[in-house]
Protein backbone atom coordinates (compact mmCIF):
# COMPACT_ATOMS: atom_id res chain seq x y z
CA MET A 1 4.45 13.12 8.90
CA LYS A 2 3.87 9.82 6.93
CA ALA A 3 6.54 8.89 4.81
CA THR A 4 5.90 6.05 2.80
CA SER A 5 7.75 4.07 0.11
CA LEU A 6 6.26 3.74 -3.29
CA ASN A 7 6.32 -0.31 -3.57
CA GLU A 8 4.32 -0.54 -0.24
CA PHE A 9 1.43 0.46 -2.34
CA PRO A 10 0.18 -2.40 -3.46
CA GLU A 11 -0.63 -2.49 -7.26
CA ARG A 12 -4.06 -1.97 -7.55
CA PRO A 13 -6.62 -4.20 -10.86
CA ASN A 14 -8.01 -2.23 -12.97
CA PRO A 15 -9.42 -2.12 -16.42
CA HIS A 16 -6.60 -1.20 -18.22
CA GLY A 17 -4.79 -4.32 -16.69
CA VAL A 18 -1.38 -1.71 -16.05
CA SER A 19 0.59 -1.74 -13.05
CA ALA A 20 -1.35 1.50 -10.99
CA ARG A 21 -0.67 2.42 -7.15
CA THR A 22 -3.08 4.80 -5.52
CA ILE A 23 -0.51 6.73 -3.75
CA TYR A 24 -2.70 9.33 -2.03
CA ASP A 25 -6.67 9.16 -1.27
CA THR A 26 -8.36 11.56 0.55
CA GLN A 27 -12.01 13.24 0.28
CA TYR A 28 -10.40 16.04 -1.77
CA ALA A 29 -7.72 14.52 -3.79
CA GLN A 30 -6.69 11.23 -5.70
CA CYS A 31 -3.42 10.21 -6.76
CA LEU A 32 -2.41 7.11 -8.84
CA HIS A 33 1.64 6.09 -9.91
CA ILE A 34 1.23 4.45 -13.30
CA VAL A 35 4.07 2.67 -15.13
CA LEU A 36 2.94 1.59 -19.00
CA LYS A 37 5.88 -1.19 -19.93
CA PRO A 38 6.92 -0.65 -23.68
CA GLY A 39 3.79 -1.55 -26.06
CA GLU A 40 1.10 -0.65 -23.17
CA ALA A 41 -1.21 1.92 -23.13
CA LEU A 42 -4.71 3.00 -21.39
CA LYS A 43 -7.60 1.99 -22.71
CA LYS A 44 -9.10 5.49 -23.87
CA HIS A 45 -11.65 6.38 -20.74
CA ILE A 46 -13.22 9.93 -19.76
CA THR A 47 -13.19 11.27 -16.29
CA PRO A 48 -15.94 12.79 -13.96
CA VAL A 49 -13.01 16.28 -13.21
CA ASP A 50 -10.53 17.47 -14.46
CA VAL A 51 -6.66 15.39 -14.37
CA PHE A 52 -3.27 16.38 -15.01
CA PHE A 53 -0.69 14.22 -15.08
CA TYR A 54 3.21 14.75 -14.43
CA ILE A 55 5.21 12.44 -16.45
CA LEU A 56 8.02 10.89 -13.72
CA GLU A 57 10.52 8.72 -16.19
CA GLY A 58 10.51 8.19 -20.05
CA SER A 59 8.59 9.30 -22.98
CA GLY A 60 5.14 8.75 -24.58
CA GLN A 61 1.80 10.00 -26.19
CA VAL A 62 -0.96 11.73 -24.95
CA GLU A 63 -3.94 11.16 -26.60
CA ILE A 64 -6.90 13.55 -25.17
CA GLY A 65 -9.97 14.33 -27.89
CA ASN A 66 -8.34 13.85 -30.93
CA GLU A 67 -5.26 15.28 -30.17
CA VAL A 68 -1.98 12.95 -29.76
CA ARG A 69 1.13 14.61 -28.51
CA GLU A 70 4.73 13.15 -27.61
CA VAL A 71 5.34 14.08 -23.91
CA GLN A 72 8.72 13.08 -22.16
CA GLN A 73 10.29 13.37 -18.53
CA ASP A 74 9.08 16.49 -15.96
CA MET A 75 6.03 17.43 -18.16
CA VAL A 76 2.95 18.33 -17.01
CA ILE A 77 -0.34 17.67 -19.35
CA GLU A 78 -3.78 19.08 -18.01
CA SER A 79 -6.85 16.93 -19.29
CA PRO A 80 -10.25 18.40 -18.87
CA ALA A 81 -13.36 16.63 -17.26
CA ARG A 82 -15.56 14.44 -19.44
CA VAL A 83 -12.76 14.54 -22.45
CA PRO A 84 -11.58 10.85 -24.09
CA HIS A 85 -7.92 10.65 -22.84
CA ARG A 86 -5.27 8.04 -22.86
CA LEU A 87 -1.43 7.91 -22.47
CA MET A 88 0.61 4.93 -24.72
CA ASN A 89 3.61 3.40 -24.45
CA PRO A 90 5.23 2.63 -28.13
CA LYS A 91 9.06 2.92 -27.44
CA GLY A 92 11.24 0.55 -25.93
CA GLU A 93 11.52 2.19 -22.41
CA ASP A 94 9.56 2.23 -18.79
CA PHE A 95 6.72 5.47 -18.83
CA ARG A 96 6.18 6.35 -15.20
CA PHE A 97 3.61 9.04 -14.43
CA LEU A 98 1.34 10.18 -11.84
CA VAL A 99 -2.04 11.25 -12.00
CA ILE A 100 -3.65 13.49 -9.98
CA LYS A 101 -7.91 14.04 -9.55
CA VAL A 102 -8.76 17.50 -8.38
CA PRO A 103 -11.31 17.04 -6.56
CA LYS A 104 -11.47 13.34 -5.73
CA PRO A 105 -14.19 12.33 -8.14
CA GLN A 106 -17.19 10.89 -6.41
CA GLU A 107 -18.49 9.00 -9.46
CA ALA A 108 -16.47 6.23 -11.24
CA THR A 109 -14.11 6.52 -14.48
CA LYS A 110 -16.02 5.36 -17.55
CA VAL A 111 -13.45 3.32 -20.14
CA LEU A 112 -14.58 3.80 -23.60
């Protein structure tokens, strides 16, 4: 068994300029832990595979295509491949979520 504390995973540079940690990365799947501070947002981007988001803490907004929705803790949001999307935190608390990509993308994410 392998058990690792979240803080043992290093933050990695990313085009969004936010706190992001890859917490699972195999040839089959990838999972990132992201924290958006109040006022932060991911840049609108596309991924070559379907992804889903699991909201761990706080609330925020998810934009997929032309639809924007308020989301909160314990919600699961599906985002299809090749559709522009982003998550935003316009409120006054940290917004923590997981990004799960299955299968792991073989090509890079494209920031729009």
